Amino acid sequence: MEEIKVKYHLFLFADLEQEEKWINGQQLEGYQLVEILSGFKYIFKKVESDFIPTVRIDYREMKNQADYEDYLALFEDMGWQLLKGSRWNGYRYFQQSSPETEEFIYSSPESQAQLYKRYSMQGLMWIPFYLLMMNSALRNYSNSFFLNPKSAYLTQGLWERQGTEFWQAFLFETPFALLRIFSDLFWVVMLIYFVYRTLSSYLKYRQLNQKDKS
């Protein structure tokens, strides 16, 4: 019977390098990554082989299916097999197909820099959308649930109830009320996320680019 290890880890700012290090660190314990679910659930299986393929992450947008197939063929020729990802998701995980495969997909600072440049541009594309949504949310802020928490509870006559009847209804609806209260703040959080991710990726690109020129 296969021994399975499930790990949960959320990389809040989608740090490619840190995620790679974490995955391959888990594999040093004799487990091989076999699946990634929901972006934070990692499934490993115990293997007895001396060779556990290194996992690397790439980010690249594809214009059409032909480009995507050429992209995968190129990686296969280099000794890398797709573990997780699709044409529609630029975020892809690859693993070595044999021990002879080079340990890194991008071995030069220039190629590493281009990876982070692509990644920062993708984050930049989302910023205007979240700015627009945040602006819409702030316009209605004076009427928001955040300033009037009681209005987030929609159970009729809740505040007139007493004793056990009140607490049962209050506790039942509180999780839904919290979602309503903080719904407007979601857009602010997402904007901060993409701004941070874009800036950190761009700074990484600049750092690697300067390293390549020195």
N, C-alpha and C. Protein backbone atom coordinates (compact mmCIF):
# COMPACT_ATOMS: atom_id res chain seq x y z
N MET A 1 0.84 -1.20 0.00
CA MET A 1 0.00 0.00 0.00
C MET A 1 0.88 1.25 0.00
N GLU A 2 0.57 2.19 -0.89
CA GLU A 2 1.37 3.41 -0.99
C GLU A 2 1.20 4.28 0.25
N GLU A 3 2.32 4.82 0.70
CA GLU A 3 2.28 5.76 1.83
C GLU A 3 2.17 7.17 1.27
N ILE A 4 1.10 7.86 1.65
CA ILE A 4 0.81 9.19 1.12
C ILE A 4 1.00 10.24 2.22
N LYS A 5 1.59 11.35 1.85
CA LYS A 5 1.74 12.48 2.78
C LYS A 5 1.06 13.70 2.16
N VAL A 6 0.18 14.32 2.90
CA VAL A 6 -0.52 15.51 2.42
C VAL A 6 -0.05 16.72 3.23
N LYS A 7 0.38 17.74 2.52
CA LYS A 7 0.84 18.97 3.16
C LYS A 7 0.03 20.15 2.64
N TYR A 8 -0.27 21.07 3.56
CA TYR A 8 -0.99 22.29 3.18
C TYR A 8 -0.04 23.47 3.38
N HIS A 9 0.12 24.25 2.35
CA HIS A 9 1.00 25.41 2.44
C HIS A 9 0.52 26.47 1.45
N LEU A 10 0.22 27.65 1.96
CA LEU A 10 -0.25 28.74 1.12
C LEU A 10 0.86 29.77 0.96
N PHE A 11 1.33 29.93 -0.27
CA PHE A 11 2.34 30.95 -0.57
C PHE A 11 1.58 32.21 -0.95
N LEU A 12 1.42 33.11 0.02
CA LEU A 12 0.53 34.25 -0.14
C LEU A 12 0.88 35.13 -1.33
N PHE A 13 2.16 35.31 -1.56
CA PHE A 13 2.56 36.19 -2.65
C PHE A 13 3.16 35.42 -3.82
N ALA A 14 2.81 34.12 -3.89
CA ALA A 14 3.20 33.27 -5.02
C ALA A 14 4.67 33.43 -5.36
N ASP A 15 5.52 33.24 -4.37
CA ASP A 15 6.96 33.34 -4.55
C ASP A 15 7.46 32.05 -5.21
N LEU A 16 7.83 32.14 -6.48
CA LEU A 16 8.21 30.96 -7.24
C LEU A 16 9.40 30.24 -6.61
N GLU A 17 10.42 31.00 -6.25
CA GLU A 17 11.65 30.42 -5.71
C GLU A 17 11.40 29.74 -4.37
N GLN A 18 10.65 30.39 -3.50
CA GLN A 18 10.38 29.82 -2.19
C GLN A 18 9.51 28.57 -2.29
N GLU A 19 8.56 28.56 -3.21
CA GLU A 19 7.72 27.39 -3.38
C GLU A 19 8.54 26.20 -3.90
N GLU A 20 9.42 26.45 -4.84
CA GLU A 20 10.31 25.39 -5.34
C GLU A 20 11.14 24.80 -4.20
N LYS A 21 11.74 25.68 -3.40
CA LYS A 21 12.59 25.21 -2.30
C LYS A 21 11.77 24.37 -1.32
N TRP A 22 10.56 24.80 -1.02
CA TRP A 22 9.73 24.07 -0.07
C TRP A 22 9.36 22.70 -0.60
N ILE A 23 8.93 22.63 -1.86
CA ILE A 23 8.55 21.34 -2.46
C ILE A 23 9.73 20.38 -2.47
N ASN A 24 10.87 20.84 -2.96
CA ASN A 24 12.03 19.96 -3.07
C ASN A 24 12.59 19.61 -1.69
N GLY A 25 12.38 20.46 -0.71
CA GLY A 25 12.77 20.14 0.66
C GLY A 25 11.93 19.00 1.21
N GLN A 26 10.63 19.00 0.89
CA GLN A 26 9.76 17.89 1.30
C GLN A 26 10.21 16.59 0.65
N GLN A 27 10.66 16.67 -0.59
CA GLN A 27 11.06 15.48 -1.33
C GLN A 27 12.36 14.87 -0.80
N LEU A 28 13.15 15.68 -0.11
CA LEU A 28 14.39 15.16 0.47
C LEU A 28 14.11 14.09 1.53
N GLU A 29 12.88 14.07 2.04
CA GLU A 29 12.50 13.09 3.06
C GLU A 29 12.06 11.76 2.45
N GLY A 30 12.22 11.63 1.11
CA GLY A 30 11.88 10.38 0.45
C GLY A 30 10.48 10.33 -0.12
N TYR A 31 9.87 11.49 -0.28
CA TYR A 31 8.53 11.58 -0.84
C TYR A 31 8.57 12.34 -2.17
N GLN A 32 7.78 11.88 -3.13
CA GLN A 32 7.72 12.53 -4.44
C GLN A 32 6.39 13.24 -4.61
N LEU A 33 6.44 14.47 -5.07
CA LEU A 33 5.21 15.23 -5.31
C LEU A 33 4.45 14.61 -6.49
N VAL A 34 3.17 14.33 -6.29
CA VAL A 34 2.36 13.71 -7.34
C VAL A 34 1.15 14.56 -7.73
N GLU A 35 0.73 15.50 -6.89
CA GLU A 35 -0.45 16.30 -7.21
C GLU A 35 -0.47 17.57 -6.38
N ILE A 36 -1.05 18.62 -6.98
CA ILE A 36 -1.26 19.89 -6.28
C ILE A 36 -2.72 20.26 -6.49
N LEU A 37 -3.43 20.51 -5.41
CA LEU A 37 -4.85 20.82 -5.48
C LEU A 37 -5.14 22.17 -4.84
N SER A 38 -5.95 22.97 -5.54
CA SER A 38 -6.42 24.26 -5.02
C SER A 38 -5.30 25.25 -4.74
N GLY A 39 -4.09 24.96 -5.22
CA GLY A 39 -3.00 25.89 -5.05
C GLY A 39 -2.31 25.85 -3.70
N PHE A 40 -2.82 25.04 -2.77
CA PHE A 40 -2.18 24.99 -1.46
C PHE A 40 -2.15 23.59 -0.85
N LYS A 41 -2.73 22.61 -1.51
CA LYS A 41 -2.72 21.24 -1.02
C LYS A 41 -1.75 20.42 -1.88
N TYR A 42 -0.70 19.91 -1.24
CA TYR A 42 0.35 19.18 -1.94
C TYR A 42 0.32 17.71 -1.50
N ILE A 43 0.26 16.81 -2.46
CA ILE A 43 0.19 15.38 -2.17
C ILE A 43 1.50 14.71 -2.61
N PHE A 44 2.13 14.05 -1.66
CA PHE A 44 3.39 13.36 -1.90
C PHE A 44 3.19 11.87 -1.65
N LYS A 45 3.93 11.04 -2.37
CA LYS A 45 3.92 9.60 -2.09
C LYS A 45 5.33 9.13 -1.75
N LYS A 46 5.40 8.17 -0.85
CA LYS A 46 6.68 7.61 -0.43
C LYS A 46 7.25 6.76 -1.57
N VAL A 47 8.53 6.98 -1.89
CA VAL A 47 9.18 6.21 -2.95
C VAL A 47 10.48 5.62 -2.40
N GLU A 48 10.85 4.46 -2.90
CA GLU A 48 12.07 3.79 -2.47
C GLU A 48 13.22 4.04 -3.44
N SER A 49 12.95 4.70 -4.55
CA SER A 49 13.96 4.94 -5.57
C SER A 49 15.02 5.94 -5.08
N ASP A 50 16.23 5.77 -5.58
CA ASP A 50 17.30 6.72 -5.27
C ASP A 50 17.09 8.04 -5.99
N PHE A 51 16.27 8.02 -7.04
CA PHE A 51 16.03 9.22 -7.83
C PHE A 51 14.63 9.76 -7.57
N ILE A 52 14.57 10.96 -7.02
CA ILE A 52 13.32 11.68 -6.86
C ILE A 52 13.44 12.95 -7.69
N PRO A 53 12.63 13.10 -8.73
CA PRO A 53 12.79 14.22 -9.66
C PRO A 53 12.59 15.58 -9.00
N THR A 54 13.52 16.47 -9.28
CA THR A 54 13.41 17.86 -8.81
C THR A 54 12.23 18.53 -9.50
N VAL A 55 11.53 19.38 -8.76
CA VAL A 55 10.38 20.12 -9.30
C VAL A 55 10.78 21.58 -9.52
N ARG A 56 10.44 22.09 -10.69
CA ARG A 56 10.68 23.50 -11.01
C ARG A 56 9.38 24.13 -11.51
N ILE A 57 9.28 25.44 -11.34
CA ILE A 57 8.07 26.18 -11.72
C ILE A 57 8.41 27.16 -12.84
N ASP A 58 7.52 27.22 -13.82
CA ASP A 58 7.69 28.18 -14.91
C ASP A 58 6.40 28.99 -15.04
N TYR A 59 6.54 30.20 -15.57
CA TYR A 59 5.36 31.02 -15.84
C TYR A 59 5.49 31.58 -17.25
N ARG A 60 4.47 31.31 -18.07
CA ARG A 60 4.48 31.79 -19.45
C ARG A 60 3.06 31.74 -20.02
N GLU A 61 2.61 32.86 -20.59
CA GLU A 61 1.31 32.90 -21.25
C GLU A 61 1.42 32.31 -22.65
N MET A 62 0.37 31.59 -23.08
CA MET A 62 0.36 30.98 -24.40
C MET A 62 -0.75 31.59 -25.25
N LYS A 63 -0.39 31.99 -26.48
CA LYS A 63 -1.37 32.62 -27.37
C LYS A 63 -2.31 31.61 -28.00
N ASN A 64 -1.81 30.43 -28.31
CA ASN A 64 -2.66 29.44 -28.96
C ASN A 64 -2.17 28.03 -28.60
N GLN A 65 -2.94 27.04 -29.02
CA GLN A 65 -2.63 25.65 -28.69
C GLN A 65 -1.33 25.19 -29.31
N ALA A 66 -1.05 25.65 -30.53
CA ALA A 66 0.19 25.25 -31.21
C ALA A 66 1.41 25.71 -30.44
N ASP A 67 1.38 26.95 -29.95
CA ASP A 67 2.50 27.47 -29.15
C ASP A 67 2.67 26.65 -27.86
N TYR A 68 1.54 26.28 -27.27
CA TYR A 68 1.59 25.50 -26.03
C TYR A 68 2.21 24.12 -26.27
N GLU A 69 1.83 23.48 -27.36
CA GLU A 69 2.38 22.16 -27.68
C GLU A 69 3.87 22.24 -27.97
N ASP A 70 4.29 23.30 -28.70
CA ASP A 70 5.72 23.50 -28.96
C ASP A 70 6.49 23.73 -27.66
N TYR A 71 5.87 24.47 -26.77
CA TYR A 71 6.46 24.77 -25.46
C TYR A 71 6.69 23.49 -24.66
N LEU A 72 5.68 22.63 -24.60
CA LEU A 72 5.81 21.37 -23.87
C LEU A 72 6.84 20.46 -24.54
N ALA A 73 6.85 20.45 -25.87
CA ALA A 73 7.82 19.61 -26.60
C ALA A 73 9.25 20.06 -26.30
N LEU A 74 9.46 21.37 -26.24
CA LEU A 74 10.78 21.91 -25.92
C LEU A 74 11.23 21.47 -24.53
N PHE A 75 10.32 21.55 -23.57
CA PHE A 75 10.66 21.13 -22.20
C PHE A 75 10.93 19.63 -22.13
N GLU A 76 10.15 18.85 -22.88
CA GLU A 76 10.39 17.40 -22.90
C GLU A 76 11.76 17.08 -23.49
N ASP A 77 12.14 17.81 -24.52
CA ASP A 77 13.47 17.61 -25.12
C ASP A 77 14.58 17.95 -24.12
N MET A 78 14.29 18.88 -23.22
CA MET A 78 15.25 19.28 -22.20
C MET A 78 15.23 18.32 -21.00
N GLY A 79 14.27 17.39 -20.99
CA GLY A 79 14.20 16.42 -19.90
C GLY A 79 13.24 16.80 -18.79
N TRP A 80 12.24 17.63 -19.11
CA TRP A 80 11.27 18.06 -18.09
C TRP A 80 9.87 17.67 -18.50
N GLN A 81 9.14 17.03 -17.60
CA GLN A 81 7.76 16.60 -17.84
C GLN A 81 6.80 17.49 -17.06
N LEU A 82 5.67 17.80 -17.68
CA LEU A 82 4.65 18.62 -17.02
C LEU A 82 3.99 17.82 -15.90
N LEU A 83 4.01 18.38 -14.71
CA LEU A 83 3.37 17.76 -13.55
C LEU A 83 2.00 18.37 -13.29
N LYS A 84 1.92 19.69 -13.40
CA LYS A 84 0.68 20.40 -13.11
C LYS A 84 0.63 21.68 -13.94
N GLY A 85 -0.53 21.92 -14.59
CA GLY A 85 -0.68 23.13 -15.38
C GLY A 85 -1.41 22.85 -16.67
N SER A 86 -1.77 23.90 -17.38
CA SER A 86 -2.48 23.78 -18.64
C SER A 86 -2.17 24.99 -19.50
N ARG A 87 -2.70 24.98 -20.71
CA ARG A 87 -2.49 26.13 -21.59
C ARG A 87 -3.10 27.39 -20.99
N TRP A 88 -4.21 27.23 -20.30
CA TRP A 88 -4.96 28.38 -19.79
C TRP A 88 -4.40 28.93 -18.49
N ASN A 89 -3.52 28.17 -17.88
CA ASN A 89 -2.91 28.61 -16.63
C ASN A 89 -1.41 28.78 -16.86
N GLY A 90 -0.93 30.01 -16.83
CA GLY A 90 0.48 30.25 -17.11
C GLY A 90 1.43 29.69 -16.07
N TYR A 91 0.88 29.34 -14.92
CA TYR A 91 1.66 28.85 -13.79
C TYR A 91 1.78 27.33 -13.91
N ARG A 92 3.01 26.80 -14.19
CA ARG A 92 3.15 25.36 -14.46
C ARG A 92 4.29 24.76 -13.65
N TYR A 93 4.07 23.51 -13.25
CA TYR A 93 5.06 22.74 -12.49
C TYR A 93 5.63 21.65 -13.39
N PHE A 94 6.96 21.55 -13.40
CA PHE A 94 7.64 20.52 -14.17
C PHE A 94 8.52 19.69 -13.24
N GLN A 95 8.75 18.43 -13.63
CA GLN A 95 9.67 17.59 -12.88
C GLN A 95 10.63 16.89 -13.85
N GLN A 96 11.81 16.59 -13.35
CA GLN A 96 12.82 15.92 -14.16
C GLN A 96 12.30 14.55 -14.63
N SER A 97 12.63 14.22 -15.87
CA SER A 97 12.23 12.91 -16.38
C SER A 97 13.30 11.85 -16.15
N SER A 98 14.53 12.27 -15.82
CA SER A 98 15.62 11.32 -15.56
C SER A 98 16.70 11.99 -14.73
N PRO A 99 17.58 11.21 -14.11
CA PRO A 99 18.67 11.80 -13.31
C PRO A 99 19.64 12.63 -14.15
N GLU A 100 19.67 12.39 -15.46
CA GLU A 100 20.60 13.12 -16.32
C GLU A 100 20.13 14.54 -16.63
N THR A 101 18.86 14.82 -16.35
CA THR A 101 18.31 16.15 -16.63
C THR A 101 18.98 17.20 -15.76
N GLU A 102 19.31 18.34 -16.36
CA GLU A 102 19.89 19.45 -15.60
C GLU A 102 18.99 19.82 -14.43
N GLU A 103 19.60 20.26 -13.33
CA GLU A 103 18.83 20.52 -12.11
C GLU A 103 17.93 21.74 -12.24
N PHE A 104 18.31 22.68 -13.09
CA PHE A 104 17.54 23.92 -13.23
C PHE A 104 17.02 24.07 -14.66
N ILE A 105 15.79 24.58 -14.78
CA ILE A 105 15.25 24.89 -16.10
C ILE A 105 15.97 26.10 -16.67
N TYR A 106 16.12 27.12 -15.83
CA TYR A 106 16.80 28.34 -16.26
C TYR A 106 18.11 28.44 -15.48
N SER A 107 19.20 28.22 -16.16
CA SER A 107 20.50 28.16 -15.48
C SER A 107 21.22 29.50 -15.48
N SER A 108 20.86 30.41 -16.38
CA SER A 108 21.56 31.70 -16.46
C SER A 108 20.73 32.79 -15.79
N PRO A 109 21.38 33.82 -15.23
CA PRO A 109 20.65 34.94 -14.63
C PRO A 109 19.70 35.62 -15.62
N GLU A 110 20.10 35.66 -16.90
CA GLU A 110 19.27 36.31 -17.91
C GLU A 110 17.93 35.58 -18.09
N SER A 111 17.98 34.24 -18.21
CA SER A 111 16.75 33.48 -18.38
C SER A 111 15.90 33.51 -17.12
N GLN A 112 16.54 33.50 -15.94
CA GLN A 112 15.79 33.62 -14.68
C GLN A 112 15.13 34.99 -14.59
N ALA A 113 15.85 36.01 -15.04
CA ALA A 113 15.30 37.37 -15.01
C ALA A 113 14.06 37.48 -15.89
N GLN A 114 14.07 36.85 -17.06
CA GLN A 114 12.92 36.91 -17.96
C GLN A 114 11.70 36.21 -17.36
N LEU A 115 11.94 35.15 -16.59
CA LEU A 115 10.84 34.48 -15.90
C LEU A 115 10.14 35.44 -14.96
N TYR A 116 10.90 36.16 -14.15
CA TYR A 116 10.29 37.09 -13.20
C TYR A 116 9.71 38.31 -13.89
N LYS A 117 10.25 38.67 -15.05
CA LYS A 117 9.67 39.77 -15.82
C LYS A 117 8.28 39.38 -16.31
N ARG A 118 8.14 38.17 -16.84
CA ARG A 118 6.82 37.70 -17.30
C ARG A 118 5.84 37.64 -16.14
N TYR A 119 6.33 37.20 -15.01
CA TYR A 119 5.47 37.04 -13.83
C TYR A 119 5.01 38.40 -13.31
N SER A 120 5.90 39.39 -13.32
CA SER A 120 5.52 40.73 -12.85
C SER A 120 4.53 41.38 -13.81
N MET A 121 4.68 41.16 -15.11
CA MET A 121 3.76 41.73 -16.08
C MET A 121 2.35 41.16 -15.92
N GLN A 122 2.26 39.86 -15.57
CA GLN A 122 0.96 39.27 -15.36
C GLN A 122 0.26 39.91 -14.17
N GLY A 123 1.02 40.14 -13.09
CA GLY A 123 0.44 40.80 -11.92
C GLY A 123 0.01 42.22 -12.23
N LEU A 124 0.81 42.91 -13.06
CA LEU A 124 0.49 44.29 -13.43
C LEU A 124 -0.83 44.38 -14.18
N MET A 125 -1.14 43.39 -14.99
CA MET A 125 -2.36 43.39 -15.77
C MET A 125 -3.61 43.36 -14.89
N TRP A 126 -3.51 42.78 -13.68
CA TRP A 126 -4.66 42.66 -12.80
C TRP A 126 -4.90 43.92 -11.95
N ILE A 127 -3.90 44.76 -11.80
CA ILE A 127 -4.02 45.91 -10.90
C ILE A 127 -5.14 46.87 -11.31
N PRO A 128 -5.29 47.25 -12.61
CA PRO A 128 -6.39 48.15 -12.97
C PRO A 128 -7.77 47.59 -12.62
N PHE A 129 -7.94 46.28 -12.80
CA PHE A 129 -9.23 45.66 -12.48
C PHE A 129 -9.55 45.82 -10.99
N TYR A 130 -8.58 45.52 -10.13
CA TYR A 130 -8.84 45.61 -8.70
C TYR A 130 -8.93 47.06 -8.22
N LEU A 131 -8.27 47.96 -8.91
CA LEU A 131 -8.45 49.39 -8.61
C LEU A 131 -9.88 49.81 -8.89
N LEU A 132 -10.41 49.35 -10.02
CA LEU A 132 -11.79 49.68 -10.39
C LEU A 132 -12.78 49.11 -9.37
N MET A 133 -12.59 47.86 -8.98
CA MET A 133 -13.49 47.23 -8.03
C MET A 133 -13.38 47.88 -6.65
N MET A 134 -12.16 48.25 -6.26
CA MET A 134 -11.98 48.91 -4.96
C MET A 134 -12.66 50.27 -4.96
N ASN A 135 -12.54 50.99 -6.07
CA ASN A 135 -13.18 52.30 -6.17
C ASN A 135 -14.69 52.17 -6.04
N SER A 136 -15.26 51.15 -6.67
CA SER A 136 -16.70 50.92 -6.57
C SER A 136 -17.11 50.59 -5.15
N ALA A 137 -16.28 49.78 -4.46
CA ALA A 137 -16.58 49.41 -3.08
C ALA A 137 -16.51 50.61 -2.15
N LEU A 138 -15.51 51.48 -2.37
CA LEU A 138 -15.35 52.65 -1.49
C LEU A 138 -16.46 53.67 -1.69
N ARG A 139 -17.03 53.72 -2.88
CA ARG A 139 -18.14 54.65 -3.11
C ARG A 139 -19.32 54.31 -2.21
N ASN A 140 -19.52 53.03 -1.97
CA ASN A 140 -20.64 52.58 -1.14
C ASN A 140 -20.23 52.37 0.31
N TYR A 141 -19.05 52.84 0.66
CA TYR A 141 -18.52 52.53 1.99
C TYR A 141 -19.38 53.10 3.10
N SER A 142 -19.94 54.30 2.89
CA SER A 142 -20.74 54.92 3.96
C SER A 142 -21.99 54.10 4.27
N ASN A 143 -22.43 53.27 3.31
CA ASN A 143 -23.60 52.42 3.54
C ASN A 143 -23.23 50.96 3.74
N SER A 144 -21.97 50.72 3.99
CA SER A 144 -21.50 49.34 4.04
C SER A 144 -21.82 48.68 5.37
N PHE A 145 -21.78 47.35 5.34
CA PHE A 145 -21.97 46.56 6.56
C PHE A 145 -20.84 46.82 7.55
N PHE A 146 -19.68 47.24 7.03
CA PHE A 146 -18.53 47.43 7.90
C PHE A 146 -18.79 48.53 8.93
N LEU A 147 -19.51 49.58 8.52
CA LEU A 147 -19.81 50.68 9.43
C LEU A 147 -21.06 50.40 10.27
N ASN A 148 -21.88 49.48 9.83
CA ASN A 148 -23.11 49.15 10.56
C ASN A 148 -23.23 47.63 10.63
N PRO A 149 -22.44 46.99 11.49
CA PRO A 149 -22.39 45.52 11.54
C PRO A 149 -23.75 44.86 11.75
N LYS A 150 -24.63 45.48 12.52
CA LYS A 150 -25.93 44.86 12.80
C LYS A 150 -26.74 44.64 11.52
N SER A 151 -26.56 45.53 10.54
CA SER A 151 -27.33 45.41 9.29
C SER A 151 -26.90 44.20 8.47
N ALA A 152 -25.76 43.60 8.83
CA ALA A 152 -25.29 42.41 8.11
C ALA A 152 -26.04 41.16 8.54
N TYR A 153 -26.76 41.25 9.66
CA TYR A 153 -27.56 40.12 10.13
C TYR A 153 -28.97 40.27 9.56
N LEU A 154 -29.36 39.33 8.70
CA LEU A 154 -30.61 39.47 7.96
C LEU A 154 -31.78 38.70 8.58
N THR A 155 -31.56 38.00 9.67
CA THR A 155 -32.65 37.27 10.33
C THR A 155 -33.66 38.27 10.90
N GLN A 156 -34.89 38.15 10.45
CA GLN A 156 -35.91 39.10 10.88
C GLN A 156 -36.16 39.01 12.39
N GLY A 157 -36.12 40.17 13.03
CA GLY A 157 -36.41 40.25 14.46
C GLY A 157 -35.32 39.69 15.35
N LEU A 158 -34.11 39.54 14.81
CA LEU A 158 -33.03 38.94 15.60
C LEU A 158 -32.74 39.72 16.86
N TRP A 159 -32.67 41.04 16.76
CA TRP A 159 -32.22 41.86 17.90
C TRP A 159 -33.31 42.03 18.95
N GLU A 160 -34.52 41.57 18.65
CA GLU A 160 -35.58 41.62 19.65
C GLU A 160 -35.67 40.30 20.42
N ARG A 161 -34.99 39.28 19.95
CA ARG A 161 -35.03 37.98 20.62
C ARG A 161 -34.19 38.01 21.89
N GLN A 162 -34.44 37.06 22.75
CA GLN A 162 -33.72 37.01 24.02
C GLN A 162 -33.30 35.58 24.34
N GLY A 163 -32.33 35.48 25.25
CA GLY A 163 -31.92 34.18 25.77
C GLY A 163 -31.40 33.22 24.72
N THR A 164 -31.74 31.95 24.91
CA THR A 164 -31.24 30.89 24.04
C THR A 164 -31.66 31.11 22.59
N GLU A 165 -32.88 31.57 22.38
CA GLU A 165 -33.38 31.80 21.02
C GLU A 165 -32.51 32.81 20.29
N PHE A 166 -32.10 33.88 21.00
CA PHE A 166 -31.24 34.90 20.39
C PHE A 166 -29.87 34.33 20.04
N TRP A 167 -29.24 33.64 20.99
CA TRP A 167 -27.88 33.16 20.78
C TRP A 167 -27.80 32.09 19.70
N GLN A 168 -28.81 31.26 19.60
CA GLN A 168 -28.81 30.25 18.54
C GLN A 168 -28.86 30.91 17.16
N ALA A 169 -29.75 31.87 17.01
CA ALA A 169 -29.87 32.57 15.72
C ALA A 169 -28.64 33.42 15.44
N PHE A 170 -28.12 34.07 16.48
CA PHE A 170 -26.95 34.94 16.33
C PHE A 170 -25.72 34.15 15.90
N LEU A 171 -25.46 33.05 16.59
CA LEU A 171 -24.28 32.24 16.28
C LEU A 171 -24.39 31.56 14.92
N PHE A 172 -25.61 31.18 14.55
CA PHE A 172 -25.81 30.54 13.26
C PHE A 172 -25.50 31.50 12.11
N GLU A 173 -25.93 32.75 12.25
CA GLU A 173 -25.78 33.70 11.13
C GLU A 173 -24.47 34.46 11.14
N THR A 174 -23.74 34.47 12.25
CA THR A 174 -22.51 35.26 12.35
C THR A 174 -21.50 34.98 11.24
N PRO A 175 -21.20 33.72 10.87
CA PRO A 175 -20.24 33.51 9.78
C PRO A 175 -20.66 34.17 8.47
N PHE A 176 -21.99 34.13 8.17
CA PHE A 176 -22.48 34.76 6.94
C PHE A 176 -22.42 36.28 7.05
N ALA A 177 -22.68 36.79 8.25
CA ALA A 177 -22.61 38.23 8.48
C ALA A 177 -21.18 38.74 8.30
N LEU A 178 -20.21 37.98 8.80
CA LEU A 178 -18.81 38.38 8.65
C LEU A 178 -18.41 38.45 7.18
N LEU A 179 -18.90 37.51 6.39
CA LEU A 179 -18.63 37.54 4.95
C LEU A 179 -19.20 38.81 4.32
N ARG A 180 -20.40 39.20 4.74
CA ARG A 180 -21.00 40.43 4.20
C ARG A 180 -20.22 41.66 4.66
N ILE A 181 -19.80 41.65 5.93
CA ILE A 181 -19.09 42.81 6.49
C ILE A 181 -17.77 43.06 5.76
N PHE A 182 -17.05 41.98 5.49
CA PHE A 182 -15.71 42.15 4.92
C PHE A 182 -15.66 41.96 3.41
N SER A 183 -16.82 41.83 2.77
CA SER A 183 -16.83 41.62 1.32
C SER A 183 -16.19 42.78 0.57
N ASP A 184 -16.47 44.00 1.00
CA ASP A 184 -15.89 45.16 0.32
C ASP A 184 -14.38 45.22 0.50
N LEU A 185 -13.91 44.76 1.66
CA LEU A 185 -12.47 44.80 1.91
C LEU A 185 -11.71 43.79 1.06
N PHE A 186 -12.42 42.81 0.51
CA PHE A 186 -11.77 41.81 -0.34
C PHE A 186 -11.01 42.46 -1.48
N TRP A 187 -11.63 43.47 -2.10
CA TRP A 187 -10.99 44.11 -3.25
C TRP A 187 -9.75 44.88 -2.84
N VAL A 188 -9.76 45.45 -1.65
CA VAL A 188 -8.58 46.16 -1.14
C VAL A 188 -7.45 45.16 -0.91
N VAL A 189 -7.78 44.03 -0.29
CA VAL A 189 -6.76 43.00 -0.02
C VAL A 189 -6.17 42.47 -1.32
N MET A 190 -7.01 42.21 -2.32
CA MET A 190 -6.52 41.69 -3.59
C MET A 190 -5.65 42.71 -4.32
N LEU A 191 -6.01 43.98 -4.22
CA LEU A 191 -5.18 45.02 -4.84
C LEU A 191 -3.80 45.05 -4.20
N ILE A 192 -3.76 45.01 -2.87
CA ILE A 192 -2.48 45.01 -2.15
C ILE A 192 -1.66 43.79 -2.56
N TYR A 193 -2.34 42.65 -2.68
CA TYR A 193 -1.66 41.41 -3.06
C TYR A 193 -0.97 41.56 -4.42
N PHE A 194 -1.71 42.03 -5.42
CA PHE A 194 -1.14 42.11 -6.77
C PHE A 194 -0.09 43.20 -6.89
N VAL A 195 -0.25 44.31 -6.15
CA VAL A 195 0.78 45.35 -6.16
C VAL A 195 2.08 44.81 -5.57
N TYR A 196 1.96 44.12 -4.43
CA TYR A 196 3.14 43.56 -3.78
C TYR A 196 3.80 42.52 -4.67
N ARG A 197 2.97 41.62 -5.24
CA ARG A 197 3.52 40.56 -6.07
C ARG A 197 4.22 41.13 -7.30
N THR A 198 3.62 42.14 -7.91
CA THR A 198 4.22 42.76 -9.10
C THR A 198 5.54 43.42 -8.76
N LEU A 199 5.57 44.19 -7.66
CA LEU A 199 6.79 44.89 -7.28
C LEU A 199 7.90 43.92 -6.89
N SER A 200 7.57 42.89 -6.11
CA SER A 200 8.59 41.95 -5.67
C SER A 200 9.15 41.17 -6.85
N SER A 201 8.30 40.80 -7.81
CA SER A 201 8.77 40.07 -8.99
C SER A 201 9.62 40.97 -9.88
N TYR A 202 9.22 42.24 -9.99
CA TYR A 202 9.99 43.17 -10.82
C TYR A 202 11.36 43.44 -10.20
N LEU A 203 11.41 43.59 -8.87
CA LEU A 203 12.69 43.80 -8.21
C LEU A 203 13.60 42.59 -8.38
N LYS A 204 13.01 41.39 -8.35
CA LYS A 204 13.79 40.18 -8.59
C LYS A 204 14.33 40.17 -10.01
N TYR A 205 13.50 40.59 -10.95
CA TYR A 205 13.93 40.70 -12.35
C TYR A 205 15.10 41.67 -12.49
N ARG A 206 14.99 42.84 -11.85
CA ARG A 206 16.07 43.84 -11.93
C ARG A 206 17.36 43.29 -11.31
N GLN A 207 17.23 42.62 -10.19
CA GLN A 207 18.39 42.07 -9.50
C GLN A 207 19.11 41.05 -10.38
N LEU A 208 18.37 40.14 -10.98
CA LEU A 208 18.97 39.12 -11.83
C LEU A 208 19.52 39.72 -13.12
N ASN A 209 18.83 40.72 -13.63
CA ASN A 209 19.27 41.37 -14.87
C ASN A 209 20.61 42.08 -14.65
N GLN A 210 20.75 42.76 -13.51
CA GLN A 210 22.00 43.43 -13.20
C GLN A 210 23.13 42.43 -12.96
N LYS A 211 22.76 41.31 -12.33
CA LYS A 211 23.75 40.26 -12.10
C LYS A 211 24.29 39.71 -13.40
N ASP A 212 23.41 39.58 -14.39
CA ASP A 212 23.80 39.05 -15.68
C ASP A 212 24.75 40.00 -16.42
N LYS A 213 24.55 41.31 -16.22
CA LYS A 213 25.36 42.31 -16.92
C LYS A 213 26.71 42.55 -16.25
N SER A 214 26.81 42.20 -14.96
CA SER A 214 28.04 42.45 -14.23
C SER A 214 29.12 41.41 -14.54
